[in-house]
Amino acid sequence: MKRRDFVRAIGGGAGGLAVGWSVLGFRPRARLPASASLLIPMDDAQTDHLKAYGLAYRAIQAGLKAEWLLNYRGGSFLIPDLDALRRDAALNGIRAEPVDSAVTSIRGEIEANNMDAVPLEKAPKVAVYAPPNAAPWDDAVTMSLQYAGIPFTKIWDPEVVNGSLRDFDWLHLHHEDFTGQYSKFFLIYSGMPWLAEMVQRNSEMARRLGFQTVPDLKKAVARGIHGFVENGGFLFAMCTATETIDLALAAKSVDIAATFADGTPIDPDADSKLDWSQSFAFTGAHLEPNPLVASFSDIDGHQVNGGSRRQPLGAFKLFNFSAKIDPVPTMLVQNHRSVIPDFYGLTTSFMRNRLKPGATIMGDEESAPWVKYIHGDLGKGTWTFFGGHDPEDAQHQIGDPPTDLSLHPHSPGYRLILNNVLFPAAKKRELKT
């Protein structure tokens, strides 16, 4: 077989993608013998769990055959045993085990237990919704993508409004306030230059795109994202975006943004005017009526900025799903840890009594009235909401130093993020979820 430079097959990328594929890579055969396999273990034997996702992504992106071994050694990956992949693993400090004839026994173990082997066929095109000048270290997903070496494109309001989401498979939202209230930051950070810049940037964008107000713009953006999912897109949201996108979708005919300049509260009848039929995850929530309280609604169980309502952090436990019957949630909870320390965000958790009946709970705190990690279907697509801001910075504050993921290569919280990135690559089939 001729060796070729297949950098064109995998494209450019950030971070760990610069691992010498153009020199080391070659176009693989369409089919490889079972003996020519590398196991990427995802249990405690793995030396860098987060970068392992990047290796799997690059294998899929190059058109190679790959499998996700659900519930086998922490959700391991099986990829071809090629020199290029071995060198990629070595350069990135990833443990890769040649398994050769052991593949047969691995498949036997998977067949006999609560495990499954899911083919990974197409590397998803990833978009991250963020303002053009957003700091990359203030978004856990952006940091994990860069660390793992998975390419992504930053988009913002113009791309959503003009329909450019159709060019992507997977979209991430983090701490955007889709109610147009700038996360009520004025209560704590009034006068800060970055807040003034945020207000100016959003106001200018609303005018440029033909909207009278920022809340009107954000409602339109929320509807655009809703349409993206309905048409088959994969949505992953964290922190403020989880709660506020549903509030924006429900507030079709009511202004739920407080007027901060004079402290005018929201419409006292706003709750009764909300229409939850188009929301992703939540229903029946009550808006925070006091504009001087930095909370949005009663969806969030922890109310991190809700004064005396703030709840202490505990730990959340991942559910154990049937890999053969429920492969989707099984993929999304793959981990080497089942109990994970909780972490705050402006929206930290989701009250059970505010979830729609179709929402699948994938992680919660025992005996608590809130849950942490949820998933659901909408039209042809899916959404996943994960509460909190940074899995390795439980008390994250604006201006804190960035999280260095090289110090947390085994982070179970960041693994949940990267599970979601690879999830769209799985071969589609009839799934019970």
Foldseek 3Di string as FASTA:
>chain_A
DDFAQVCVQQDDFAALVPQCSRPFPGQDDLDDDPQQKKKQAFAPVWQFNLLQLLLVLSCQSNQFKKKFKFPDRLTIMMTGNGRSSVSSCVVLVTDIHRCGPCSVVVVVVQVVDLIDIFIQHHQWAEEEEDPPPDDQLQFQLSVSCNSNTNHYYYDYLVCLLVVVLVVGAEYEAEADQLLQQLLLCCLPQNPDPVSVVVLVVLQVVCVVVPHPGSNVSSLSSLVSVLVSQQVAHEYEYEFNCLPRSQVSPFQPPARQHADPVVQRWGDPCSLVSGHRPSGAWFDSWAADRGSSQSAGTVFAQQQCRRPPSGDDWDKKFFDDDRCVAAVLLSLLQRANDGIATAAAHNRGWGFPVTTDPFKDQGMQDPPDRTGAKIKGHHNNGIYIYGYHGHSVHRDDDPPDDGDDCVVVSRHSVSVSSSSSSSSVSTDDDDHDD
